[in-house]
PDB file of N, CA and C in Angstrom:
ATOM      1  N   UNK A   1      12.845  42.827 -29.780  1.00  0.00           N
ATOM      2  CA  UNK A   1      12.713  43.916 -30.730  1.00  0.00           C
ATOM      3  C   UNK A   1      11.236  44.199 -30.953  1.00  0.00           C
ATOM      4  N   UNK A   2      10.890  45.468 -30.992  1.00  0.00           N
ATOM      5  CA  UNK A   2       9.503  45.854 -31.231  1.00  0.00           C
ATOM      6  C   UNK A   2       9.282  45.933 -32.731  1.00  0.00           C
ATOM      7  N   UNK A   3       8.284  45.230 -33.205  1.00  0.00           N
ATOM      8  CA  UNK A   3       7.957  45.251 -34.625  1.00  0.00           C
ATOM      9  C   UNK A   3       6.805  46.204 -34.834  1.00  0.00           C
ATOM     10  N   UNK A   4       7.130  47.374 -35.279  1.00  0.00           N
ATOM     11  CA  UNK A   4       6.090  48.370 -35.518  1.00  0.00           C
ATOM     12  C   UNK A   4       5.921  49.273 -34.323  1.00  0.00           C
ATOM     13  N   UNK A   5       5.712  50.549 -34.590  1.00  0.00           N
ATOM     14  CA  UNK A   5       5.530  51.541 -33.539  1.00  0.00           C
ATOM     15  C   UNK A   5       4.066  51.879 -33.407  1.00  0.00           C
ATOM     16  N   UNK A   6       3.762  53.049 -32.859  1.00  0.00           N
ATOM     17  CA  UNK A   6       2.384  53.472 -32.719  1.00  0.00           C
ATOM     18  C   UNK A   6       1.678  53.465 -34.072  1.00  0.00           C
ATOM     19  N   UNK A   7       0.466  53.043 -34.070  1.00  0.00           N
ATOM     20  CA  UNK A   7      -0.362  53.003 -35.286  1.00  0.00           C
ATOM     21  C   UNK A   7       0.220  52.060 -36.327  1.00  0.00           C
ATOM     22  N   UNK A   8       0.969  51.047 -35.894  1.00  0.00           N
ATOM     23  CA  UNK A   8       1.484  50.054 -36.820  1.00  0.00           C
ATOM     24  C   UNK A   8       2.692  50.499 -37.613  1.00  0.00           C
ATOM     25  N   UNK A   9       3.322  51.605 -37.242  1.00  0.00           N
ATOM     26  CA  UNK A   9       4.493  52.069 -37.968  1.00  0.00           C
ATOM     27  C   UNK A   9       5.716  51.880 -37.101  1.00  0.00           C
ATOM     28  N   UNK A  10       6.867  51.927 -37.710  1.00  0.00           N
ATOM     29  CA  UNK A  10       8.077  51.882 -36.899  1.00  0.00           C
ATOM     30  C   UNK A  10       8.406  53.300 -36.477  1.00  0.00           C
ATOM     31  N   UNK A  11       9.032  53.450 -35.334  1.00  0.00           N
ATOM     32  CA  UNK A  11       9.381  54.773 -34.834  1.00  0.00           C
ATOM     33  C   UNK A  11      10.255  55.541 -35.797  1.00  0.00           C
ATOM     34  N   UNK A  12      11.088  54.834 -36.585  1.00  0.00           N
ATOM     35  CA  UNK A  12      11.983  55.518 -37.501  1.00  0.00           C
ATOM     36  C   UNK A  12      11.251  56.131 -38.686  1.00  0.00           C
ATOM     37  N   UNK A  13      10.037  55.680 -38.973  1.00  0.00           N
ATOM     38  CA  UNK A  13       9.273  56.242 -40.084  1.00  0.00           C
ATOM     39  C   UNK A  13       8.681  57.596 -39.734  1.00  0.00           C
ATOM     40  N   UNK A  14       8.578  57.910 -38.455  1.00  0.00           N
ATOM     41  CA  UNK A  14       7.979  59.156 -38.013  1.00  0.00           C
ATOM     42  C   UNK A  14       8.926  59.895 -37.085  1.00  0.00           C
ATOM     43  N   UNK A  15       9.834  60.701 -37.640  1.00  0.00           N
ATOM     44  CA  UNK A  15      10.798  61.395 -36.788  1.00  0.00           C
ATOM     45  C   UNK A  15      10.134  62.397 -35.856  1.00  0.00           C
ATOM     46  N   UNK A  16       8.888  62.794 -36.133  1.00  0.00           N
ATOM     47  CA  UNK A  16       8.214  63.757 -35.270  1.00  0.00           C
ATOM     48  C   UNK A  16       7.694  63.123 -33.984  1.00  0.00           C
ATOM     49  N   UNK A  17       7.739  61.813 -33.872  1.00  0.00           N
ATOM     50  CA  UNK A  17       7.323  61.138 -32.649  1.00  0.00           C
ATOM     51  C   UNK A  17       8.422  61.338 -31.621  1.00  0.00           C
ATOM     52  N   UNK A  18       8.068  61.909 -30.492  1.00  0.00           N
ATOM     53  CA  UNK A  18       9.067  62.225 -29.475  1.00  0.00           C
ATOM     54  C   UNK A  18       9.530  60.975 -28.741  1.00  0.00           C
ATOM     55  N   UNK A  19      10.642  61.125 -28.050  1.00  0.00           N
ATOM     56  CA  UNK A  19      11.168  60.024 -27.248  1.00  0.00           C
ATOM     57  C   UNK A  19      10.162  59.611 -26.177  1.00  0.00           C
ATOM     58  N   UNK A  20       9.468  60.580 -25.580  1.00  0.00           N
ATOM     59  CA  UNK A  20       8.501  60.245 -24.535  1.00  0.00           C
ATOM     60  C   UNK A  20       7.352  59.431 -25.130  1.00  0.00           C
ATOM     61  N   UNK A  21       6.921  59.759 -26.339  1.00  0.00           N
ATOM     62  CA  UNK A  21       5.856  58.981 -26.982  1.00  0.00           C
ATOM     63  C   UNK A  21       6.330  57.562 -27.273  1.00  0.00           C
ATOM     64  N   UNK A  22       7.578  57.421 -27.676  1.00  0.00           N
ATOM     65  CA  UNK A  22       8.130  56.083 -27.901  1.00  0.00           C
ATOM     66  C   UNK A  22       8.179  55.307 -26.585  1.00  0.00           C
ATOM     67  N   UNK A  23       8.604  55.983 -25.516  1.00  0.00           N
ATOM     68  CA  UNK A  23       8.676  55.318 -24.214  1.00  0.00           C
ATOM     69  C   UNK A  23       7.295  54.906 -23.735  1.00  0.00           C
ATOM     70  N   UNK A  24       6.314  55.776 -23.939  1.00  0.00           N
ATOM     71  CA  UNK A  24       4.939  55.447 -23.552  1.00  0.00           C
ATOM     72  C   UNK A  24       4.462  54.232 -24.323  1.00  0.00           C
ATOM     73  N   UNK A  25       4.748  54.217 -25.610  1.00  0.00           N
ATOM     74  CA  UNK A  25       4.352  53.077 -26.433  1.00  0.00           C
ATOM     75  C   UNK A  25       4.998  51.795 -25.917  1.00  0.00           C
ATOM     76  N   UNK A  26       6.321  51.865 -25.649  1.00  0.00           N
ATOM     77  CA  UNK A  26       7.019  50.675 -25.159  1.00  0.00           C
ATOM     78  C   UNK A  26       6.440  50.217 -23.827  1.00  0.00           C
ATOM     79  N   UNK A  27       6.138  51.162 -22.932  1.00  0.00           N
ATOM     80  CA  UNK A  27       5.601  50.817 -21.616  1.00  0.00           C
ATOM     81  C   UNK A  27       4.204  50.223 -21.714  1.00  0.00           C
ATOM     82  N   UNK A  28       3.356  50.769 -22.570  1.00  0.00           N
ATOM     83  CA  UNK A  28       1.967  50.328 -22.614  1.00  0.00           C
ATOM     84  C   UNK A  28       1.754  49.137 -23.538  1.00  0.00           C
ATOM     85  N   UNK A  29       2.731  48.811 -24.348  1.00  0.00           N
ATOM     86  CA  UNK A  29       2.580  47.692 -25.270  1.00  0.00           C
ATOM     87  C   UNK A  29       2.390  46.382 -24.510  1.00  0.00           C
ATOM     88  N   UNK A  30       3.042  46.262 -23.403  1.00  0.00           N
ATOM     89  CA  UNK A  30       2.950  45.050 -22.610  1.00  0.00           C
ATOM     90  C   UNK A  30       2.201  45.366 -21.322  1.00  0.00           C
ATOM     91  N   UNK A  31       0.969  44.920 -21.214  1.00  0.00           N
ATOM     92  CA  UNK A  31       0.134  45.292 -20.074  1.00  0.00           C
ATOM     93  C   UNK A  31       0.717  44.827 -18.752  1.00  0.00           C
ATOM     94  N   UNK A  32       1.443  43.718 -18.731  1.00  0.00           N
ATOM     95  CA  UNK A  32       2.029  43.270 -17.471  1.00  0.00           C
ATOM     96  C   UNK A  32       3.049  44.282 -16.968  1.00  0.00           C
ATOM     97  N   UNK A  33       3.798  44.920 -17.875  1.00  0.00           N
ATOM     98  CA  UNK A  33       4.745  45.951 -17.479  1.00  0.00           C
ATOM     99  C   UNK A  33       4.000  47.145 -16.901  1.00  0.00           C
ATOM    100  N   UNK A  34       2.907  47.541 -17.528  1.00  0.00           N
ATOM    101  CA  UNK A  34       2.118  48.671 -17.026  1.00  0.00           C
ATOM    102  C   UNK A  34       1.562  48.361 -15.651  1.00  0.00           C
ATOM    103  N   UNK A  35       1.080  47.144 -15.446  1.00  0.00           N
ATOM    104  CA  UNK A  35       0.542  46.768 -14.143  1.00  0.00           C
ATOM    105  C   UNK A  35       1.644  46.726 -13.092  1.00  0.00           C
ATOM    106  N   UNK A  36       2.816  46.230 -13.445  1.00  0.00           N
ATOM    107  CA  UNK A  36       3.923  46.194 -12.514  1.00  0.00           C
ATOM    108  C   UNK A  36       4.303  47.607 -12.087  1.00  0.00           C
ATOM    109  N   UNK A  37       4.395  48.541 -13.043  1.00  0.00           N
ATOM    110  CA  UNK A  37       4.730  49.926 -12.721  1.00  0.00           C
ATOM    111  C   UNK A  37       3.686  50.549 -11.819  1.00  0.00           C
ATOM    112  N   UNK A  38       2.425  50.177 -11.979  1.00  0.00           N
ATOM    113  CA  UNK A  38       1.361  50.741 -11.170  1.00  0.00           C
ATOM    114  C   UNK A  38       1.489  50.309  -9.719  1.00  0.00           C
ATOM    115  N   UNK A  39       2.026  49.132  -9.487  1.00  0.00           N
ATOM    116  CA  UNK A  39       2.069  48.579  -8.141  1.00  0.00           C
ATOM    117  C   UNK A  39       3.377  48.870  -7.429  1.00  0.00           C
ATOM    118  N   UNK A  40       4.386  49.328  -8.132  1.00  0.00           N
ATOM    119  CA  UNK A  40       5.674  49.534  -7.500  1.00  0.00           C
ATOM    120  C   UNK A  40       5.869  50.991  -7.133  1.00  0.00           C
ATOM    121  N   UNK A  41       6.657  51.182  -6.110  1.00  0.00           N
ATOM    122  CA  UNK A  41       7.013  52.527  -5.689  1.00  0.00           C
ATOM    123  C   UNK A  41       8.349  52.859  -6.316  1.00  0.00           C
ATOM    124  N   UNK A  42       8.566  54.110  -6.571  1.00  0.00           N
ATOM    125  CA  UNK A  42       9.841  54.554  -7.093  1.00  0.00           C
ATOM    126  C   UNK A  42       9.752  54.929  -8.548  1.00  0.00           C
ATOM    127  N   UNK A  43      10.790  55.573  -9.020  1.00  0.00           N
ATOM    128  CA  UNK A  43      10.814  56.032 -10.408  1.00  0.00           C
ATOM    129  C   UNK A  43      10.815  54.870 -11.390  1.00  0.00           C
ATOM    130  N   UNK A  44      10.412  55.136 -12.639  1.00  0.00           N
ATOM    131  CA  UNK A  44      10.526  54.095 -13.662  1.00  0.00           C
ATOM    132  C   UNK A  44      11.977  53.630 -13.729  1.00  0.00           C
ATOM    133  N   UNK A  45      12.176  52.358 -13.998  1.00  0.00           N
ATOM    134  CA  UNK A  45      13.529  51.812 -13.997  1.00  0.00           C
ATOM    135  C   UNK A  45      14.458  52.546 -14.956  1.00  0.00           C
ATOM    136  N   UNK A  46      13.936  53.019 -16.068  1.00  0.00           N
ATOM    137  CA  UNK A  46      14.821  53.661 -17.028  1.00  0.00           C
ATOM    138  C   UNK A  46      15.108  55.120 -16.690  1.00  0.00           C
ATOM    139  N   UNK A  47      14.526  55.685 -15.626  1.00  0.00           N
ATOM    140  CA  UNK A  47      14.854  57.058 -15.230  1.00  0.00           C
ATOM    141  C   UNK A  47      16.321  57.146 -14.824  1.00  0.00           C
ATOM    142  N   UNK A  48      16.796  56.214 -14.022  1.00  0.00           N
ATOM    143  CA  UNK A  48      18.200  56.223 -13.616  1.00  0.00           C
ATOM    144  C   UNK A  48      19.111  56.103 -14.829  1.00  0.00           C
ATOM    145  N   UNK A  49      18.740  55.266 -15.767  1.00  0.00           N
ATOM    146  CA  UNK A  49      19.527  55.098 -16.986  1.00  0.00           C
ATOM    147  C   UNK A  49      19.540  56.393 -17.801  1.00  0.00           C
ATOM    148  N   UNK A  50      18.382  57.032 -17.938  1.00  0.00           N
ATOM    149  CA  UNK A  50      18.311  58.300 -18.675  1.00  0.00           C
ATOM    150  C   UNK A  50      19.194  59.354 -18.021  1.00  0.00           C
ATOM    151  N   UNK A  51      19.132  59.438 -16.699  1.00  0.00           N
ATOM    152  CA  UNK A  51      19.945  60.419 -15.987  1.00  0.00           C
ATOM    153  C   UNK A  51      21.431  60.155 -16.214  1.00  0.00           C
ATOM    154  N   UNK A  52      21.811  58.893 -16.223  1.00  0.00           N
ATOM    155  CA  UNK A  52      23.208  58.534 -16.468  1.00  0.00           C
ATOM    156  C   UNK A  52      23.612  58.892 -17.901  1.00  0.00           C
ATOM    157  N   UNK A  53      22.743  58.575 -18.859  1.00  0.00           N
ATOM    158  CA  UNK A  53      23.040  58.867 -20.270  1.00  0.00           C
ATOM    159  C   UNK A  53      23.150  60.367 -20.529  1.00  0.00           C
ATOM    160  N   UNK A  54      22.422  61.156 -19.739  1.00  0.00           N
ATOM    161  CA  UNK A  54      22.465  62.607 -19.893  1.00  0.00           C
ATOM    162  C   UNK A  54      23.597  63.236 -19.084  1.00  0.00           C
ATOM    163  N   UNK A  55      24.444  62.392 -18.500  1.00  0.00           N
ATOM    164  CA  UNK A  55      25.628  62.817 -17.744  1.00  0.00           C
ATOM    165  C   UNK A  55      25.314  63.665 -16.518  1.00  0.00           C
ATOM    166  N   UNK A  56      24.203  63.376 -15.851  1.00  0.00           N
ATOM    167  CA  UNK A  56      23.937  64.031 -14.568  1.00  0.00           C
ATOM    168  C   UNK A  56      24.857  63.405 -13.532  1.00  0.00           C
ATOM    169  N   UNK A  57      25.376  64.237 -12.625  1.00  0.00           N
ATOM    170  CA  UNK A  57      26.196  63.697 -11.554  1.00  0.00           C
ATOM    171  C   UNK A  57      25.307  62.903 -10.595  1.00  0.00           C
ATOM    172  N   UNK A  58      25.917  62.103  -9.742  1.00  0.00           N
ATOM    173  CA  UNK A  58      25.159  61.228  -8.846  1.00  0.00           C
ATOM    174  C   UNK A  58      24.258  62.008  -7.900  1.00  0.00           C
ATOM    175  N   UNK A  59      24.721  63.142  -7.427  1.00  0.00           N
ATOM    176  CA  UNK A  59      23.931  63.958  -6.503  1.00  0.00           C
ATOM    177  C   UNK A  59      22.664  64.475  -7.178  1.00  0.00           C
ATOM    178  N   UNK A  60      22.799  64.955  -8.408  1.00  0.00           N
ATOM    179  CA  UNK A  60      21.634  65.460  -9.137  1.00  0.00           C
ATOM    180  C   UNK A  60      20.684  64.324  -9.487  1.00  0.00           C
ATOM    181  N   UNK A  61      21.233  63.191  -9.908  1.00  0.00           N
ATOM    182  CA  UNK A  61      20.391  62.039 -10.235  1.00  0.00           C
ATOM    183  C   UNK A  61      19.596  61.597  -9.005  1.00  0.00           C
ATOM    184  N   UNK A  62      20.241  61.560  -7.862  1.00  0.00           N
ATOM    185  CA  UNK A  62      19.557  61.174  -6.627  1.00  0.00           C
ATOM    186  C   UNK A  62      18.465  62.198  -6.279  1.00  0.00           C
ATOM    187  N   UNK A  63      18.743  63.467  -6.503  1.00  0.00           N
ATOM    188  CA  UNK A  63      17.766  64.523  -6.234  1.00  0.00           C
ATOM    189  C   UNK A  63      16.544  64.373  -7.126  1.00  0.00           C
ATOM    190  N   UNK A  64      16.757  64.120  -8.407  1.00  0.00           N
ATOM    191  CA  UNK A  64      15.647  63.953  -9.349  1.00  0.00           C
ATOM    192  C   UNK A  64      14.816  62.729  -8.965  1.00  0.00           C
ATOM    193  N   UNK A  65      15.466  61.658  -8.593  1.00  0.00           N
ATOM    194  CA  UNK A  65      14.731  60.450  -8.217  1.00  0.00           C
ATOM    195  C   UNK A  65      13.974  60.651  -6.901  1.00  0.00           C
ATOM    196  N   UNK A  66      14.551  61.412  -5.974  1.00  0.00           N
ATOM    197  CA  UNK A  66      13.846  61.725  -4.728  1.00  0.00           C
ATOM    198  C   UNK A  66      12.623  62.594  -5.025  1.00  0.00           C
ATOM    199  N   UNK A  67      12.782  63.569  -5.921  1.00  0.00           N
ATOM    200  CA  UNK A  67      11.653  64.419  -6.305  1.00  0.00           C
ATOM    201  C   UNK A  67      10.549  63.576  -6.933  1.00  0.00           C
ATOM    202  N   UNK A  68      10.937  62.608  -7.769  1.00  0.00           N
ATOM    203  CA  UNK A  68       9.949  61.717  -8.379  1.00  0.00           C
ATOM    204  C   UNK A  68       9.155  61.000  -7.290  1.00  0.00           C
ATOM    205  N   UNK A  69       9.871  60.414  -6.332  1.00  0.00           N
ATOM    206  CA  UNK A  69       9.200  59.686  -5.249  1.00  0.00           C
ATOM    207  C   UNK A  69       8.271  60.592  -4.449  1.00  0.00           C
ATOM    208  N   UNK A  70       8.718  61.799  -4.160  1.00  0.00           N
ATOM    209  CA  UNK A  70       7.912  62.740  -3.369  1.00  0.00           C
ATOM    210  C   UNK A  70       6.619  63.107  -4.114  1.00  0.00           C
ATOM    211  N   UNK A  71       6.742  63.442  -5.388  1.00  0.00           N
ATOM    212  CA  UNK A  71       5.555  63.797  -6.173  1.00  0.00           C
ATOM    213  C   UNK A  71       4.611  62.608  -6.235  1.00  0.00           C
ATOM    214  N   UNK A  72       5.159  61.429  -6.492  1.00  0.00           N
ATOM    215  CA  UNK A  72       4.323  60.232  -6.612  1.00  0.00           C
ATOM    216  C   UNK A  72       3.585  59.945  -5.311  1.00  0.00           C
ATOM    217  N   UNK A  73       4.291  60.083  -4.188  1.00  0.00           N
ATOM    218  CA  UNK A  73       3.658  59.869  -2.882  1.00  0.00           C
ATOM    219  C   UNK A  73       2.523  60.869  -2.638  1.00  0.00           C
ATOM    220  N   UNK A  74       2.755  62.124  -3.001  1.00  0.00           N
ATOM    221  CA  UNK A  74       1.726  63.162  -2.841  1.00  0.00           C
ATOM    222  C   UNK A  74       0.492  62.814  -3.670  1.00  0.00           C
ATOM    223  N   UNK A  75       0.724  62.424  -4.908  1.00  0.00           N
ATOM    224  CA  UNK A  75      -0.392  62.118  -5.805  1.00  0.00           C
ATOM    225  C   UNK A  75      -1.161  60.889  -5.327  1.00  0.00           C
ATOM    226  N   UNK A  76      -0.445  59.868  -4.848  1.00  0.00           N
ATOM    227  CA  UNK A  76      -1.118  58.671  -4.356  1.00  0.00           C
ATOM    228  C   UNK A  76      -1.898  58.965  -3.079  1.00  0.00           C
ATOM    229  N   UNK A  77      -1.326  59.751  -2.182  1.00  0.00           N
ATOM    230  CA  UNK A  77      -2.011  60.092  -0.935  1.00  0.00           C
ATOM    231  C   UNK A  77      -3.293  60.870  -1.204  1.00  0.00           C
ATOM    232  N   UNK A  78      -3.285  61.673  -2.270  1.00  0.00           N
ATOM    233  CA  UNK A  78      -4.461  62.464  -2.630  1.00  0.00           C
ATOM    234  C   UNK A  78      -5.430  61.667  -3.498  1.00  0.00           C
ATOM    235  N   UNK A  79      -5.092  60.411  -3.791  1.00  0.00           N
ATOM    236  CA  UNK A  79      -5.910  59.578  -4.680  1.00  0.00           C
ATOM    237  C   UNK A  79      -6.186  60.308  -6.000  1.00  0.00           C
ATOM    238  N   UNK A  80      -5.139  60.914  -6.509  1.00  0.00           N
ATOM    239  CA  UNK A  80      -5.217  61.710  -7.733  1.00  0.00           C
ATOM    240  C   UNK A  80      -5.631  60.832  -8.911  1.00  0.00           C
ATOM    241  N   UNK A  81      -6.527  61.314  -9.763  1.00  0.00           N
ATOM    242  CA  UNK A  81      -6.947  60.522 -10.935  1.00  0.00           C
ATOM    243  C   UNK A  81      -5.791  60.181 -11.880  1.00  0.00           C
ATOM    244  N   UNK A  82      -4.716  60.961 -11.841  1.00  0.00           N
ATOM    245  CA  UNK A  82      -3.577  60.688 -12.720  1.00  0.00           C
ATOM    246  C   UNK A  82      -2.817  59.426 -12.315  1.00  0.00           C
ATOM    247  N   UNK A  83      -3.072  58.894 -11.112  1.00  0.00           N
ATOM    248  CA  UNK A  83      -2.405  57.661 -10.700  1.00  0.00           C
ATOM    249  C   UNK A  83      -3.313  56.447 -10.847  1.00  0.00           C
ATOM    250  N   UNK A  84      -4.472  56.638 -11.450  1.00  0.00           N
ATOM    251  CA  UNK A  84      -5.380  55.519 -11.712  1.00  0.00           C
ATOM    252  C   UNK A  84      -4.693  54.533 -12.651  1.00  0.00           C
ATOM    253  N   UNK A  85      -5.058  53.268 -12.538  1.00  0.00           N
ATOM    254  CA  UNK A  85      -4.391  52.196 -13.287  1.00  0.00           C
ATOM    255  C   UNK A  85      -4.340  52.456 -14.797  1.00  0.00           C
ATOM    256  N   UNK A  86      -5.348  53.115 -15.348  1.00  0.00           N
ATOM    257  CA  UNK A  86      -5.359  53.360 -16.788  1.00  0.00           C
ATOM    258  C   UNK A  86      -4.509  54.567 -17.188  1.00  0.00           C
ATOM    259  N   UNK A  87      -3.983  55.317 -16.226  1.00  0.00           N
ATOM    260  CA  UNK A  87      -3.183  56.499 -16.540  1.00  0.00           C
ATOM    261  C   UNK A  87      -1.793  56.463 -15.930  1.00  0.00           C
ATOM    262  N   UNK A  88      -1.543  55.475 -15.099  1.00  0.00           N
ATOM    263  CA  UNK A  88      -0.324  55.462 -14.303  1.00  0.00           C
ATOM    264  C   UNK A  88       0.948  55.469 -15.146  1.00  0.00           C
ATOM    265  N   UNK A  89       1.004  54.715 -16.190  1.00  0.00           N
ATOM    266  CA  UNK A  89       2.226  54.625 -16.994  1.00  0.00           C
ATOM    267  C   UNK A  89       2.549  55.951 -17.651  1.00  0.00           C
ATOM    268  N   UNK A  90       1.549  56.549 -18.264  1.00  0.00           N
ATOM    269  CA  UNK A  90       1.764  57.834 -18.926  1.00  0.00           C
ATOM    270  C   UNK A  90       2.142  58.892 -17.899  1.00  0.00           C
ATOM    271  N   UNK A  91       1.466  58.902 -16.762  1.00  0.00           N
ATOM    272  CA  UNK A  91       1.750  59.889 -15.726  1.00  0.00           C
ATOM    273  C   UNK A  91       3.188  59.752 -15.226  1.00  0.00           C
ATOM    274  N   UNK A  92       3.617  58.524 -14.972  1.00  0.00           N
ATOM    275  CA  UNK A  92       4.970  58.305 -14.476  1.00  0.00           C
ATOM    276  C   UNK A  92       6.019  58.737 -15.509  1.00  0.00           C
ATOM    277  N   UNK A  93       5.779  58.462 -16.757  1.00  0.00           N
ATOM    278  CA  UNK A  93       6.736  58.863 -17.789  1.00  0.00           C
ATOM    279  C   UNK A  93       6.778  60.377 -17.965  1.00  0.00           C
ATOM    280  N   UNK A  94       5.608  61.007 -17.938  1.00  0.00           N
ATOM    281  CA  UNK A  94       5.575  62.467 -18.044  1.00  0.00           C
ATOM    282  C   UNK A  94       6.246  63.122 -16.841  1.00  0.00           C
ATOM    283  N   UNK A  95       5.999  62.591 -15.667  1.00  0.00           N
ATOM    284  CA  UNK A  95       6.631  63.122 -14.465  1.00  0.00           C
ATOM    285  C   UNK A  95       8.152  63.040 -14.590  1.00  0.00           C
ATOM    286  N   UNK A  96       8.648  61.904 -15.007  1.00  0.00           N
ATOM    287  CA  UNK A  96      10.093  61.740 -15.194  1.00  0.00           C
ATOM    288  C   UNK A  96      10.616  62.736 -16.226  1.00  0.00           C
ATOM    289  N   UNK A  97       9.889  62.903 -17.319  1.00  0.00           N
ATOM    290  CA  UNK A  97      10.303  63.837 -18.373  1.00  0.00           C
ATOM    291  C   UNK A  97      10.366  65.261 -17.831  1.00  0.00           C
ATOM    292  N   UNK A  98       9.365  65.667 -17.087  1.00  0.00           N
ATOM    293  CA  UNK A  98       9.340  67.027 -16.538  1.00  0.00           C
ATOM    294  C   UNK A  98      10.513  67.253 -15.581  1.00  0.00           C
ATOM    295  N   UNK A  99      10.767  66.293 -14.718  1.00  0.00           N
ATOM    296  CA  UNK A  99      11.866  66.440 -13.761  1.00  0.00           C
ATOM    297  C   UNK A  99      13.218  66.496 -14.469  1.00  0.00           C
ATOM    298  N   UNK A 100      13.410  65.666 -15.482  1.00  0.00           N
ATOM    299  CA  UNK A 100      14.662  65.697 -16.245  1.00  0.00           C
ATOM    300  C   UNK A 100      14.845  67.051 -16.907  1.00  0.00           C
ATOM    301  N   UNK A 101      13.795  67.558 -17.504  1.00  0.00           N
ATOM    302  CA  UNK A 101      13.890  68.856 -18.181  1.00  0.00           C
ATOM    303  C   UNK A 101      14.229  69.971 -17.198  1.00  0.00           C
ATOM    304  N   UNK A 102      13.611  69.950 -16.047  1.00  0.00           N
ATOM    305  CA  UNK A 102      13.912  70.978 -15.046  1.00  0.00           C
ATOM    306  C   UNK A 102      15.366  70.864 -14.573  1.00  0.00           C
ATOM    307  N   UNK A 103      15.839  69.642 -14.377  1.00  0.00           N
ATOM    308  CA  UNK A 103      17.229  69.446 -13.959  1.00  0.00           C
ATOM    309  C   UNK A 103      18.189  69.885 -15.060  1.00  0.00           C
ATOM    310  N   UNK A 104      17.832  69.631 -16.307  1.00  0.00           N
ATOM    311  CA  UNK A 104      18.661  70.082 -17.437  1.00  0.00           C
ATOM    312  C   UNK A 104      18.779  71.594 -17.456  1.00  0.00           C
ATOM    313  N   UNK A 105      17.721  72.269 -17.010  1.00  0.00           N
ATOM    314  CA  UNK A 105      17.720  73.735 -16.976  1.00  0.00           C
ATOM    315  C   UNK A 105      18.423  74.270 -15.730  1.00  0.00           C
ATOM    316  N   UNK A 106      18.940  73.371 -14.893  1.00  0.00           N
ATOM    317  CA  UNK A 106      19.747  73.783 -13.767  1.00  0.00           C
ATOM    318  C   UNK A 106      19.058  73.787 -12.413  1.00  0.00           C
ATOM    319  N   UNK A 107      17.798  73.368 -12.357  1.00  0.00           N
ATOM    320  CA  UNK A 107      17.094  73.366 -11.067  1.00  0.00           C
ATOM    321  C   UNK A 107      17.674  72.286 -10.155  1.00  0.00           C
ATOM    322  N   UNK A 108      18.032  72.686  -8.932  1.00  0.00           N
ATOM    323  CA  UNK A 108      18.605  71.737  -7.973  1.00  0.00           C
ATOM    324  C   UNK A 108      17.943  71.828  -6.597  1.00  0.00           C
ATOM    325  N   UNK A 109      16.841  72.559  -6.506  1.00  0.00           N
ATOM    326  CA  UNK A 109      16.116  72.666  -5.242  1.00  0.00           C
ATOM    327  C   UNK A 109      14.971  71.650  -5.244  1.00  0.00           C
ATOM    328  N   UNK A 110      14.935  70.783  -4.229  1.00  0.00           N
ATOM    329  CA  UNK A 110      13.946  69.713  -4.179  1.00  0.00           C
ATOM    330  C   UNK A 110      12.517  70.249  -4.220  1.00  0.00           C
ATOM    331  N   UNK A 111      12.220  71.253  -3.422  1.00  0.00           N
ATOM    332  CA  UNK A 111      10.855  71.791  -3.387  1.00  0.00           C
ATOM    333  C   UNK A 111      10.441  72.387  -4.722  1.00  0.00           C
ATOM    334  N   UNK A 112      11.367  73.091  -5.377  1.00  0.00           N
ATOM    335  CA  UNK A 112      11.027  73.669  -6.689  1.00  0.00           C
ATOM    336  C   UNK A 112      10.866  72.584  -7.750  1.00  0.00           C
ATOM    337  N   UNK A 113      11.668  71.520  -7.651  1.00  0.00           N
ATOM    338  CA  UNK A 113      11.485  70.394  -8.579  1.00  0.00           C
ATOM    339  C   UNK A 113      10.102  69.774  -8.394  1.00  0.00           C
ATOM    340  N   UNK A 114       9.711  69.551  -7.140  1.00  0.00           N
ATOM    341  CA  UNK A 114       8.408  68.950  -6.853  1.00  0.00           C
ATOM    342  C   UNK A 114       7.283  69.843  -7.347  1.00  0.00           C
ATOM    343  N   UNK A 115       7.311  71.117  -6.951  1.00  0.00           N
ATOM    344  CA  UNK A 115       6.246  72.048  -7.344  1.00  0.00           C
ATOM    345  C   UNK A 115       6.182  72.224  -8.858  1.00  0.00           C
ATOM    346  N   UNK A 116       7.348  72.363  -9.478  1.00  0.00           N
ATOM    347  CA  UNK A 116       7.390  72.564 -10.924  1.00  0.00           C
ATOM    348  C   UNK A 116       6.883  71.356 -11.700  1.00  0.00           C
ATOM    349  N   UNK A 117       7.260  70.170 -11.240  1.00  0.00           N
ATOM    350  CA  UNK A 117       6.809  68.957 -11.929  1.00  0.00           C
ATOM    351  C   UNK A 117       5.302  68.787 -11.799  1.00  0.00           C
ATOM    352  N   UNK A 118       4.771  69.060 -10.618  1.00  0.00           N
ATOM    353  CA  UNK A 118       3.325  68.931 -10.434  1.00  0.00           C
ATOM    354  C   UNK A 118       2.579  69.962 -11.286  1.00  0.00           C
ATOM    355  N   UNK A 119       3.104  71.174 -11.310  1.00  0.00           N
ATOM    356  CA  UNK A 119       2.471  72.209 -12.136  1.00  0.00           C
ATOM    357  C   UNK A 119       2.451  71.794 -13.607  1.00  0.00           C
ATOM    358  N   UNK A 120       3.557  71.261 -14.090  1.00  0.00           N
ATOM    359  CA  UNK A 120       3.631  70.832 -15.491  1.00  0.00           C
ATOM    360  C   UNK A 120       2.697  69.658 -15.768  1.00  0.00           C
ATOM    361  N   UNK A 121       2.577  68.733 -14.822  1.00  0.00           N
ATOM    362  CA  UNK A 121       1.668  67.595 -15.022  1.00  0.00           C
ATOM    363  C   UNK A 121       0.231  68.064 -15.194  1.00  0.00           C
ATOM    364  N   UNK A 122      -0.169  69.025 -14.400  1.00  0.00           N
ATOM    365  CA  UNK A 122      -1.560  69.467 -14.446  1.00  0.00           C
ATOM    366  C   UNK A 122      -1.842  70.407 -15.596  1.00  0.00           C
ATOM    367  N   UNK A 123      -0.797  70.944 -16.229  1.00  0.00           N
ATOM    368  CA  UNK A 123      -0.997  71.757 -17.430  1.00  0.00           C
ATOM    369  C   UNK A 123      -1.272  70.886 -18.641  1.00  0.00           C
ATOM    370  N   UNK A 124      -0.802  69.635 -18.609  1.00  0.00           N
ATOM    371  CA  UNK A 124      -0.968  68.724 -19.762  1.00  0.00           C
ATOM    372  C   UNK A 124      -2.368  68.212 -19.854  1.00  0.00           C
TER     373      UNK A 124
END
């Protein structure tokens, strides 16, 4: 159990804190988890769980996870600053969030998911 949220408060005390901010906090609270995520390939482990909880069918979930891998590979190949060790956790969570949102809006084309997610990452 996490005792206290960002800035020493519990997440329930601040309803304006988004789920992504809570996830970022949980991911970055333990540096070993952040380092593990930086070294592993593939979507964050909880992306599959989120997709399941949001009732995405298996085909769509697989598409979103493939899009995640494709974007991540592109960013790593380009040595993008967003994949640097100090930004990797936040970048991976934001990427997952963007892809989920696009899939929720009905996007099912791999190329559009990739392009849209990258565009959203660079707008932030």
